[in-house]
Amino acid sequence: MEHIHKRFPGVYALNDVSYELRAGEVHALLGENGAGKSTLIKVLGGIYHPEEGEIYIDGKKVTINGVRDAQENGIAIIHQELVLVPHMTVAENIFLGREHGSGILIDRKKMTEEAQELLDAQEIHIPADSLIKDLTIAQQQMVEIVKAISYDSKILVMDEPTSSISDKEVAFLFQTMRKLTAKGVGIVYISHKMSELEEICDRVTIMRDGQYVGTKVVKETTKDDLIAMMVGRELTNYYTRDYQEPGETLLKCEHISDGKMVQDASFELKKGEIIGFAGLVGAGRSETMKCIFGLTKGSKGDVYVKGKKVNVQSPIDALKYGIALVPEDRKLEGLYHVQSVRFNSTIEVLEQFIHGISVDGKKEVDITQKYIDMMSTKTPTQEQAIGNLSGGNQQKVMIGRWLATDPDILILDEPTRGVDVGAKSEIYAIMNQVVKEGMSIIMISSELPEIINMSDRVYVMAEGRVAGCLDHTEVTQESIMQLAAN
């Protein structure tokens, strides 16, 4: 890709960007949220058409006007938000749009047999007649890879493929990637996890503010050098945390259970502290918080806020008691994608500017701007549809929305998933600031460095129970994993 330019109203998304992928390599594409990575990939995939620039495949200039053009040129994209049809089988998803036969004469038996051959060839042990909705996220990702392979793709783009899967599943994904590169497939790899670069990537291209910054051989560079290229500055204080003496107990939960994943969870949160929740996938961390926030019907256990026993039956009750929750999955559980940044920022605090039939538009704009400024959210205007923002900026709007409710207790479920290092650093600084001002935070995270560096205390869950609690002065990755693997 040479000298690619792409403009949107109010935004120069790509400004003279070049990118080269070789056969049989994994070439990482790095940059902060909003750097233009996804836009570049959408140009390659035929979703966007650039105003200027050329694309060459095998040395030959090509024109890609749509997704089908991209597929015919051997390009397949696995997006961060998986696009499989949940109520169809694995085989039906793999051959969607190019079924064997037509109408009621579709040869499902042949499709299932061929899909199973493709799965078996990659040593992916999933029955081709399984429904997508019955598979784990990691298994769905493998189906996406097989679907891409079935097009005989020579260029495979993977956007944040490890953001929702466990370490064991990551190892299997990398094994599959190595098999593909051994056959000459070139892989474009987008990730915010710097630790993955050394393990799986050959080269890395860095983008910043819609422009090309440089390309490095992974073995010949350092993490600090890459971060400096990404953010245009050194992040000297990546984790910002000022520990202070916590106040009185603000939240106490005893014997929380939902009859499914949560068996017996007890913990307490003090004023002005951050407690981290660690554990393996399926340990019940998110489910515990959903019980406390009133999202789980029929959950059991006792919840005390400021020493008083409360009955939280719904999120409205939770908000009344000063509890706010930023959910793990912003796409499914958080954002109104076709609505504006302003709408998404203020939807939980309508009573602050709507009185009867009168609407205080200025107040609504002021609230929105306060949290755009606080979170350093990059958006051309408040009226921009939030679906057009980068993932990290969407996450900032989500956190700002719940801060606007002025909670005493803020639950953050995977607050930096799919967020670049610069935005992570800004989110950590905000967390540190609001805690110093007296708010208390419960943070669920699968990133152990984040848990260790930001928490006063760490509760570790295993199989729906709290397996132990570690103070920040004693917590290590090893001590967490010992409790998590009980």
Protein backbone atom coordinates (compact mmCIF):
# COMPACT_ATOMS: atom_id res chain seq x y z
CA MET A 1 0.00 0.00 0.00
CA GLU A 2 1.61 3.28 -1.09
CA HIS A 3 0.75 6.89 -0.17
CA ILE A 4 -2.82 6.14 0.95
CA HIS A 5 -5.02 9.16 1.77
CA LYS A 6 -8.51 8.97 3.30
CA ARG A 7 -10.63 11.86 4.59
CA PHE A 8 -13.90 11.97 6.54
CA PRO A 9 -15.87 15.11 7.48
CA GLY A 10 -13.71 16.90 10.06
CA VAL A 11 -11.05 14.16 10.09
CA TYR A 12 -7.98 13.39 7.97
CA ALA A 13 -7.99 9.67 8.82
CA LEU A 14 -5.04 8.62 6.63
CA ASN A 15 -2.42 11.08 5.45
CA ASP A 16 0.17 9.56 3.09
CA VAL A 17 0.36 6.11 4.73
CA SER A 18 2.44 3.26 3.25
CA TYR A 19 2.56 -0.37 4.41
CA GLU A 20 4.31 -3.48 3.07
CA LEU A 21 3.52 -7.12 3.82
CA ARG A 22 5.76 -10.01 2.75
CA ALA A 23 4.69 -13.59 2.09
CA GLY A 24 5.07 -15.78 5.17
CA GLU A 25 5.51 -12.99 7.71
CA VAL A 26 3.45 -11.64 10.60
CA HIS A 27 3.64 -7.85 10.31
CA ALA A 28 2.18 -5.94 13.26
CA LEU A 29 0.34 -2.66 12.80
CA LEU A 30 0.68 -0.54 15.94
CA GLY A 31 -0.66 2.83 17.00
CA GLU A 32 -2.83 4.56 19.55
CA ASN A 33 -6.61 4.43 19.18
CA GLY A 34 -7.47 6.87 16.41
CA ALA A 35 -4.07 6.44 14.71
CA GLY A 36 -5.80 5.15 11.55
CA LYS A 37 -5.06 1.40 11.76
CA SER A 38 -8.66 0.26 11.27
CA THR A 39 -9.19 2.79 8.45
CA LEU A 40 -6.11 1.47 6.62
CA ILE A 41 -7.40 -2.10 6.98
CA LYS A 42 -10.85 -1.09 5.72
CA VAL A 43 -9.19 0.44 2.63
CA LEU A 44 -7.37 -2.86 2.05
CA GLY A 45 -10.61 -4.80 2.59
CA GLY A 46 -12.65 -2.69 0.15
CA ILE A 47 -14.91 -1.16 2.81
CA TYR A 48 -13.45 2.34 2.21
CA HIS A 49 -12.13 3.78 -1.04
CA PRO A 50 -9.08 6.06 -0.69
CA GLU A 51 -8.89 9.49 -2.33
CA GLU A 52 -5.25 8.87 -3.27
CA GLY A 53 -2.75 6.03 -3.23
CA GLU A 54 -2.10 2.64 -4.81
CA ILE A 55 -2.33 -0.98 -3.71
CA TYR A 56 -0.07 -3.65 -5.23
CA ILE A 57 -0.47 -7.41 -4.75
CA ASP A 58 2.37 -9.65 -5.99
CA GLY A 59 3.82 -6.55 -7.65
CA LYS A 60 0.68 -5.88 -9.68
CA LYS A 61 -1.43 -2.75 -9.16
CA VAL A 62 -5.00 -3.62 -8.14
CA THR A 63 -8.23 -1.66 -7.62
CA ILE A 64 -10.34 -2.74 -4.66
CA ASN A 65 -13.83 -1.24 -4.85
CA GLY A 66 -15.60 -3.65 -2.50
CA VAL A 67 -15.32 -6.65 -0.21
CA ARG A 68 -15.70 -9.09 -3.12
CA ASP A 69 -12.78 -7.42 -4.93
CA ALA A 70 -10.67 -7.89 -1.79
CA GLN A 71 -11.64 -11.58 -1.55
CA GLU A 72 -10.84 -12.15 -5.24
CA ASN A 73 -7.39 -10.68 -4.56
CA GLY A 74 -6.82 -13.14 -1.71
CA ILE A 75 -7.50 -10.71 1.16
CA ALA A 76 -9.47 -11.83 4.23
CA ILE A 77 -10.15 -9.73 7.33
CA ILE A 78 -11.04 -11.04 10.77
CA HIS A 79 -12.48 -8.01 12.53
CA GLN A 80 -12.22 -7.38 16.28
CA GLU A 81 -16.01 -7.65 16.51
CA LEU A 82 -16.69 -11.10 15.09
CA VAL A 83 -19.31 -11.14 12.32
CA LEU A 84 -20.59 -14.72 12.41
CA VAL A 85 -24.32 -15.57 12.36
CA PRO A 86 -25.05 -17.10 15.80
CA HIS A 87 -28.05 -19.29 14.90
CA MET A 88 -26.37 -20.88 11.89
CA THR A 89 -23.92 -23.81 11.94
CA VAL A 90 -20.16 -23.56 11.60
CA ALA A 91 -20.40 -24.97 8.04
CA GLU A 92 -23.17 -22.54 7.04
CA ASN A 93 -21.06 -19.62 8.32
CA ILE A 94 -17.93 -20.79 6.50
CA PHE A 95 -19.79 -21.00 3.16
CA LEU A 96 -22.16 -18.06 3.73
CA GLY A 97 -22.88 -16.36 0.40
CA ARG A 98 -21.30 -19.18 -1.65
CA GLU A 99 -23.42 -22.16 -0.63
CA HIS A 100 -23.33 -25.43 -2.57
CA GLY A 101 -26.60 -25.45 -4.52
CA SER A 102 -29.33 -22.83 -4.13
CA GLY A 103 -32.62 -22.20 -2.34
CA ILE A 104 -34.14 -25.35 -0.83
CA LEU A 105 -31.66 -27.40 -2.87
CA ILE A 106 -28.62 -26.29 -0.83
CA ASP A 107 -26.39 -29.32 -0.25
CA ARG A 108 -25.86 -28.96 3.51
CA LYS A 109 -24.35 -32.44 3.79
CA LYS A 110 -21.59 -31.59 1.31
CA MET A 111 -20.97 -28.20 2.97
CA THR A 112 -20.68 -29.85 6.38
CA GLU A 113 -18.25 -32.47 5.06
CA GLU A 114 -16.05 -29.85 3.36
CA ALA A 115 -16.13 -27.56 6.41
CA GLN A 116 -15.12 -30.49 8.63
CA GLU A 117 -12.18 -31.23 6.30
CA LEU A 118 -11.04 -27.59 6.58
CA LEU A 119 -11.35 -27.67 10.39
CA ASP A 120 -9.51 -31.00 10.65
CA ALA A 121 -6.70 -29.77 8.39
CA GLN A 122 -6.01 -26.99 10.93
CA GLU A 123 -6.39 -29.46 13.84
CA ILE A 124 -9.37 -27.45 15.11
CA HIS A 125 -11.59 -29.86 17.00
CA ILE A 126 -15.02 -28.31 16.43
CA PRO A 127 -17.92 -30.21 14.82
CA ALA A 128 -18.91 -28.48 11.59
CA ASP A 129 -22.61 -28.91 12.43
CA SER A 130 -22.29 -27.00 15.76
CA LEU A 131 -24.25 -23.76 16.13
CA ILE A 132 -22.02 -20.68 16.43
CA LYS A 133 -23.92 -19.49 19.53
CA ASP A 134 -22.82 -22.64 21.38
CA LEU A 135 -19.09 -21.96 20.82
CA THR A 136 -16.66 -19.97 22.97
CA ILE A 137 -15.23 -16.67 21.66
CA ALA A 138 -11.92 -18.46 20.96
CA GLN A 139 -13.68 -21.21 18.98
CA GLN A 140 -15.61 -18.59 17.01
CA GLN A 141 -12.30 -16.92 16.19
CA MET A 142 -10.97 -20.23 14.86
CA VAL A 143 -14.08 -20.53 12.65
CA GLU A 144 -13.33 -17.05 11.27
CA ILE A 145 -9.77 -18.17 10.46
CA VAL A 146 -11.01 -21.33 8.70
CA LYS A 147 -13.54 -19.22 6.77
CA ALA A 148 -10.68 -16.96 5.65
CA ILE A 149 -8.55 -19.96 4.65
CA SER A 150 -11.48 -21.40 2.67
CA TYR A 151 -11.19 -18.40 0.30
CA ASP A 152 -7.60 -19.51 -0.34
CA SER A 153 -6.48 -16.18 1.14
CA LYS A 154 -2.84 -15.16 0.89
CA ILE A 155 -3.30 -12.01 3.00
CA LEU A 156 -4.98 -12.42 6.39
CA VAL A 157 -5.75 -9.43 8.61
CA MET A 158 -6.31 -10.09 12.33
CA ASP A 159 -7.66 -7.18 14.38
CA GLU A 160 -7.13 -7.64 18.16
CA PRO A 161 -7.56 -11.43 17.95
CA THR A 162 -6.48 -12.12 21.55
CA SER A 163 -8.53 -9.45 23.35
CA SER A 164 -11.19 -11.88 24.60
CA ILE A 165 -9.42 -15.24 24.92
CA SER A 166 -7.36 -17.05 27.57
CA ASP A 167 -3.58 -17.67 27.52
CA LYS A 168 -4.11 -21.31 26.51
CA GLU A 169 -6.31 -20.25 23.60
CA VAL A 170 -3.75 -17.58 22.59
CA ALA A 171 -1.06 -20.30 22.39
CA PHE A 172 -3.31 -22.32 20.05
CA LEU A 173 -4.05 -19.23 17.92
CA PHE A 174 -0.31 -18.53 17.53
CA GLN A 175 0.29 -22.16 16.58
CA THR A 176 -2.36 -21.83 13.84
CA MET A 177 -0.78 -18.58 12.63
CA ARG A 178 2.65 -20.23 12.36
CA LYS A 179 1.16 -23.01 10.20
CA LEU A 180 -0.33 -20.38 7.86
CA THR A 181 2.87 -18.36 7.51
CA ALA A 182 4.81 -21.60 6.83
CA LYS A 183 2.53 -21.98 3.77
CA GLY A 184 3.37 -18.44 2.61
CA VAL A 185 0.33 -16.58 3.97
CA GLY A 186 1.14 -13.02 5.07
CA ILE A 187 -0.60 -11.87 8.25
CA VAL A 188 -1.35 -8.27 9.22
CA TYR A 189 -1.59 -8.31 13.01
CA ILE A 190 -3.22 -5.49 14.99
CA SER A 191 -2.77 -5.67 18.77
CA HIS A 192 -2.26 -3.43 21.80
CA LYS A 193 -0.48 -6.18 23.74
CA MET A 194 3.21 -5.36 23.40
CA SER A 195 4.20 -8.71 24.93
CA GLU A 196 2.76 -10.54 21.89
CA LEU A 197 5.04 -8.80 19.38
CA GLU A 198 8.23 -10.67 20.32
CA GLU A 199 6.44 -14.00 20.34
CA ILE A 200 4.60 -13.90 17.02
CA CYS A 201 5.62 -10.87 14.89
CA ASP A 202 8.51 -10.39 12.46
CA ARG A 203 8.15 -6.68 11.70
CA VAL A 204 6.08 -3.82 13.07
CA THR A 205 4.79 -0.65 11.40
CA ILE A 206 3.84 2.26 13.66
CA MET A 207 1.15 4.84 12.85
CA ARG A 208 0.29 8.04 14.71
CA ASP A 209 -2.50 10.57 14.02
CA GLY A 210 -3.28 9.04 10.63
CA GLN A 211 0.34 9.10 9.45
CA TYR A 212 3.09 6.57 8.88
CA VAL A 213 5.83 6.84 11.54
CA GLY A 214 8.15 3.95 10.70
CA THR A 215 8.75 0.21 10.33
CA LYS A 216 11.03 -1.83 12.61
CA VAL A 217 12.26 -5.42 12.79
CA VAL A 218 10.84 -6.69 16.09
CA LYS A 219 14.07 -8.43 17.19
CA GLU A 220 16.04 -5.21 16.64
CA THR A 221 13.91 -2.82 18.70
CA THR A 222 12.63 -2.40 22.28
CA LYS A 223 9.20 -1.98 23.80
CA ASP A 224 10.13 1.53 25.04
CA ASP A 225 11.23 2.59 21.54
CA LEU A 226 7.93 1.38 20.04
CA ILE A 227 5.86 3.16 22.73
CA ALA A 228 7.76 6.41 22.12
CA MET A 229 7.07 6.10 18.36
CA MET A 230 3.38 5.38 19.00
CA VAL A 231 2.63 8.21 21.42
CA GLY A 232 5.29 10.70 20.32
CA ARG A 233 6.65 10.86 23.84
CA GLU A 234 8.05 8.63 26.55
CA LEU A 235 5.52 7.31 29.06
CA THR A 236 7.65 7.67 32.16
CA ASN A 237 4.75 7.03 34.54
CA TYR A 238 2.79 4.39 32.67
CA TYR A 239 0.89 3.32 35.82
CA THR A 240 -0.19 6.28 37.95
CA ARG A 241 -1.04 5.25 41.51
CA ASP A 242 -0.70 7.18 44.77
CA TYR A 243 -1.49 4.82 47.64
CA GLN A 244 -3.28 6.38 50.61
CA GLU A 245 -4.79 5.15 53.85
CA PRO A 246 -8.29 3.94 52.90
CA GLY A 247 -11.35 5.12 54.85
CA GLU A 248 -14.28 3.24 56.30
CA THR A 249 -15.83 0.18 54.63
CA LEU A 250 -18.08 1.44 51.84
CA LEU A 251 -19.30 -1.85 50.34
CA LYS A 252 -19.49 -5.28 51.95
CA CYS A 253 -20.70 -8.34 50.09
CA GLU A 254 -21.26 -11.69 51.77
CA HIS A 255 -21.90 -15.09 50.15
CA ILE A 256 -22.94 -13.74 46.72
CA SER A 257 -24.14 -16.44 44.33
CA ASP A 258 -26.15 -16.65 41.13
CA GLY A 259 -26.68 -20.42 41.17
CA LYS A 260 -24.48 -20.78 38.09
CA MET A 261 -20.97 -19.35 37.78
CA VAL A 262 -20.92 -17.51 41.12
CA GLN A 263 -20.94 -19.94 44.06
CA ASP A 264 -19.82 -18.00 47.14
CA ALA A 265 -18.15 -14.60 46.76
CA SER A 266 -17.44 -12.40 49.79
CA PHE A 267 -15.35 -9.21 49.79
CA GLU A 268 -15.30 -5.62 51.00
CA LEU A 269 -14.35 -2.27 49.51
CA LYS A 270 -13.14 0.73 51.52
CA LYS A 271 -13.50 4.41 50.72
CA GLY A 272 -10.71 5.74 48.51
CA GLU A 273 -9.24 2.42 47.39
CA ILE A 274 -9.05 0.31 44.23
CA ILE A 275 -9.60 -3.41 44.63
CA GLY A 276 -8.67 -5.64 41.73
CA PHE A 277 -10.44 -8.86 40.78
CA ALA A 278 -8.22 -11.45 39.10
CA GLY A 279 -8.87 -15.03 37.99
CA LEU A 280 -8.96 -17.32 35.00
CA VAL A 281 -11.64 -17.05 32.30
CA GLY A 282 -14.87 -18.50 33.75
CA ALA A 283 -13.96 -17.78 37.38
CA GLY A 284 -17.14 -15.70 37.82
CA ARG A 285 -15.68 -12.19 38.26
CA SER A 286 -17.99 -10.33 35.83
CA GLU A 287 -20.97 -12.41 36.96
CA THR A 288 -20.33 -11.42 40.60
CA MET A 289 -20.44 -7.73 39.68
CA LYS A 290 -23.63 -8.22 37.66
CA CYS A 291 -25.26 -9.65 40.81
CA ILE A 292 -24.22 -6.58 42.80
CA PHE A 293 -25.43 -4.20 40.06
CA GLY A 294 -28.88 -5.81 39.92
CA LEU A 295 -28.48 -7.40 36.48
CA THR A 296 -28.95 -11.00 37.68
CA LYS A 297 -32.43 -12.12 38.68
CA GLY A 298 -32.61 -14.48 41.65
CA SER A 299 -29.06 -13.89 42.90
CA LYS A 300 -28.44 -14.58 46.59
CA GLY A 301 -26.25 -13.06 49.29
CA ASP A 302 -26.09 -9.93 51.41
CA VAL A 303 -24.93 -6.51 50.20
CA TYR A 304 -24.16 -3.66 52.62
CA VAL A 305 -23.53 -0.07 51.48
CA LYS A 306 -22.08 2.27 54.15
CA GLY A 307 -22.98 -0.31 56.81
CA LYS A 308 -26.63 -0.57 55.80
CA LYS A 309 -28.05 -3.72 54.22
CA VAL A 310 -29.53 -2.95 50.79
CA ASN A 311 -31.68 -4.84 48.30
CA VAL A 312 -30.47 -4.22 44.74
CA GLN A 313 -33.01 -5.64 42.29
CA SER A 314 -32.08 -3.54 39.24
CA PRO A 315 -29.45 -1.11 37.94
CA ILE A 316 -31.79 1.73 38.97
CA ASP A 317 -31.50 0.51 42.57
CA ALA A 318 -27.72 0.23 42.22
CA LEU A 319 -27.43 3.82 40.97
CA LYS A 320 -29.62 4.97 43.87
CA TYR A 321 -27.04 3.45 46.24
CA GLY A 322 -24.15 5.12 44.38
CA ILE A 323 -22.95 2.08 42.39
CA ALA A 324 -22.03 2.39 38.68
CA LEU A 325 -20.83 -0.33 36.29
CA VAL A 326 -18.78 0.05 33.09
CA PRO A 327 -19.44 -3.33 31.38
CA GLU A 328 -16.89 -5.61 29.77
CA ASP A 329 -18.44 -5.66 26.30
CA ARG A 330 -19.00 -2.07 25.20
CA LYS A 331 -20.54 -3.14 21.87
CA LEU A 332 -23.24 -5.45 23.25
CA GLU A 333 -23.78 -4.04 26.74
CA GLY A 334 -22.79 -0.40 26.64
CA LEU A 335 -22.98 1.81 23.59
CA TYR A 336 -25.74 3.10 21.31
CA HIS A 337 -23.62 2.88 18.16
CA VAL A 338 -25.75 4.95 15.79
CA GLN A 339 -26.23 7.70 18.39
CA SER A 340 -23.93 10.65 19.01
CA VAL A 341 -21.14 11.07 21.53
CA ARG A 342 -23.43 13.54 23.35
CA PHE A 343 -26.30 11.03 23.56
CA ASN A 344 -23.98 8.28 24.82
CA SER A 345 -22.33 10.60 27.35
CA THR A 346 -25.54 11.81 29.01
CA ILE A 347 -28.05 8.95 28.74
CA GLU A 348 -27.64 8.01 32.44
CA VAL A 349 -28.07 11.58 33.76
CA LEU A 350 -31.14 12.84 31.86
CA GLU A 351 -32.66 14.21 35.08
CA GLN A 352 -29.83 16.77 35.25
CA PHE A 353 -31.01 18.63 32.14
CA ILE A 354 -34.57 17.41 31.38
CA HIS A 355 -37.25 18.93 33.63
CA GLY A 356 -40.79 18.01 32.63
CA ILE A 357 -41.10 18.98 28.99
CA SER A 358 -38.20 21.47 29.02
CA VAL A 359 -34.66 20.47 28.02
CA ASP A 360 -31.63 22.49 29.12
CA GLY A 361 -29.54 21.96 25.97
CA LYS A 362 -26.61 24.00 27.27
CA LYS A 363 -26.37 21.86 30.41
CA GLU A 364 -26.36 18.70 28.26
CA VAL A 365 -23.55 20.08 26.09
CA ASP A 366 -21.58 21.18 29.19
CA ILE A 367 -21.83 17.72 30.81
CA THR A 368 -20.67 16.08 27.57
CA GLN A 369 -17.75 18.48 27.16
CA LYS A 370 -16.65 18.04 30.79
CA TYR A 371 -16.08 14.31 30.28
CA ILE A 372 -14.64 14.70 26.76
CA ASP A 373 -12.03 16.99 28.34
CA MET A 374 -11.51 14.84 31.45
CA MET A 375 -10.99 11.66 29.42
CA SER A 376 -9.07 13.37 26.55
CA THR A 377 -11.52 11.82 24.09
CA LYS A 378 -10.70 12.42 20.42
CA THR A 379 -13.87 13.30 18.50
CA PRO A 380 -14.47 15.99 15.83
CA THR A 381 -17.72 17.11 17.52
CA GLN A 382 -20.19 16.01 20.18
CA GLU A 383 -22.57 15.09 17.34
CA GLN A 384 -20.24 12.47 15.85
CA ALA A 385 -21.84 8.99 15.85
CA ILE A 386 -19.97 7.03 18.51
CA GLY A 387 -19.66 4.04 16.16
CA ASN A 388 -17.28 6.18 14.05
CA LEU A 389 -14.82 6.63 16.93
CA SER A 390 -11.90 4.30 17.57
CA GLY A 391 -12.35 1.59 20.21
CA GLY A 392 -10.28 3.44 22.81
CA ASN A 393 -12.25 6.65 22.38
CA GLN A 394 -15.51 4.71 22.65
CA GLN A 395 -14.21 3.28 25.93
CA LYS A 396 -13.38 6.76 27.22
CA VAL A 397 -16.95 7.94 26.48
CA MET A 398 -18.28 4.86 28.33
CA ILE A 399 -16.22 5.57 31.44
CA GLY A 400 -17.14 9.28 31.28
CA ARG A 401 -20.85 8.39 31.07
CA TRP A 402 -20.73 6.50 34.38
CA LEU A 403 -18.48 9.09 36.07
CA ALA A 404 -21.22 11.62 35.21
CA THR A 405 -23.56 9.78 37.62
CA ASP A 406 -21.14 10.83 40.40
CA PRO A 407 -20.97 7.34 41.96
CA ASP A 408 -19.37 6.40 45.28
CA ILE A 409 -18.47 2.98 43.84
CA LEU A 410 -17.32 2.56 40.23
CA ILE A 411 -17.05 -0.99 38.87
CA LEU A 412 -14.74 -1.20 35.84
CA ASP A 413 -14.90 -4.51 33.97
CA GLU A 414 -11.83 -4.83 31.69
CA PRO A 415 -11.47 -1.03 31.47
CA THR A 416 -8.53 -1.05 29.01
CA ARG A 417 -9.44 -3.96 26.72
CA GLY A 418 -8.65 -3.01 23.13
CA VAL A 419 -7.13 0.30 24.29
CA ASP A 420 -3.67 1.53 23.25
CA VAL A 421 -0.81 2.30 25.67
CA GLY A 422 -1.34 6.07 25.60
CA ALA A 423 -5.07 5.80 26.34
CA LYS A 424 -4.37 3.17 29.03
CA SER A 425 -2.00 5.57 30.75
CA GLU A 426 -4.70 8.29 30.65
CA ILE A 427 -7.34 5.91 32.08
CA TYR A 428 -4.98 4.90 34.93
CA ALA A 429 -4.39 8.58 35.72
CA ILE A 430 -8.17 9.24 35.84
CA MET A 431 -8.67 6.22 38.14
CA ASN A 432 -5.93 7.47 40.45
CA GLN A 433 -7.43 10.97 40.51
CA VAL A 434 -11.04 10.00 41.29
CA VAL A 435 -9.88 7.63 44.04
CA LYS A 436 -7.82 10.44 45.63
CA GLU A 437 -11.03 12.50 45.61
CA GLY A 438 -12.84 9.80 47.61
CA MET A 439 -14.43 7.50 45.04
CA SER A 440 -13.82 3.74 45.32
CA ILE A 441 -13.16 1.43 42.37
CA ILE A 442 -13.60 -2.28 41.75
CA MET A 443 -11.54 -3.29 38.71
CA ILE A 444 -11.82 -6.62 36.90
CA SER A 445 -8.91 -7.25 34.57
CA SER A 446 -7.27 -10.15 32.78
CA GLU A 447 -4.04 -8.14 32.49
CA LEU A 448 -2.05 -9.00 35.60
CA PRO A 449 0.41 -6.07 35.36
CA GLU A 450 -2.63 -3.74 35.42
CA ILE A 451 -4.11 -5.52 38.46
CA ILE A 452 -0.78 -5.52 40.32
CA ASN A 453 0.15 -1.89 39.64
CA MET A 454 -3.27 -0.27 40.19
CA SER A 455 -4.84 -2.19 43.12
CA ASP A 456 -4.67 -1.60 46.88
CA ARG A 457 -5.77 -5.19 47.34
CA VAL A 458 -6.38 -8.03 44.89
CA TYR A 459 -9.18 -10.57 45.30
CA VAL A 460 -8.55 -13.74 43.32
CA MET A 461 -11.54 -15.83 42.19
CA ALA A 462 -11.54 -19.50 41.20
CA GLU A 463 -14.59 -21.51 40.14
CA GLY A 464 -17.10 -18.97 41.42
CA ARG A 465 -15.49 -18.43 44.82
CA VAL A 466 -13.08 -15.91 46.30
CA ALA A 467 -9.91 -17.98 46.72
CA GLY A 468 -7.94 -15.32 48.58
CA CYS A 469 -7.01 -11.65 48.98
CA LEU A 470 -3.53 -10.17 48.48
CA ASP A 471 -2.26 -6.77 49.63
CA HIS A 472 -0.49 -4.59 47.04
CA THR A 473 2.74 -4.92 49.04
CA GLU A 474 2.79 -8.72 48.55
CA VAL A 475 0.99 -9.34 45.27
CA THR A 476 2.89 -10.95 42.35
CA GLN A 477 1.84 -12.71 39.16
CA GLU A 478 2.91 -16.00 40.76
CA SER A 479 0.86 -15.46 43.95
CA ILE A 480 -2.23 -14.58 41.87
CA MET A 481 -1.88 -17.63 39.62
CA GLN A 482 -1.39 -19.97 42.61
CA LEU A 483 -4.78 -18.88 44.00
CA ALA A 484 -6.47 -18.73 40.56
CA ALA A 485 -5.47 -22.28 39.68
CA ASN A 486 -6.76 -23.80 42.95
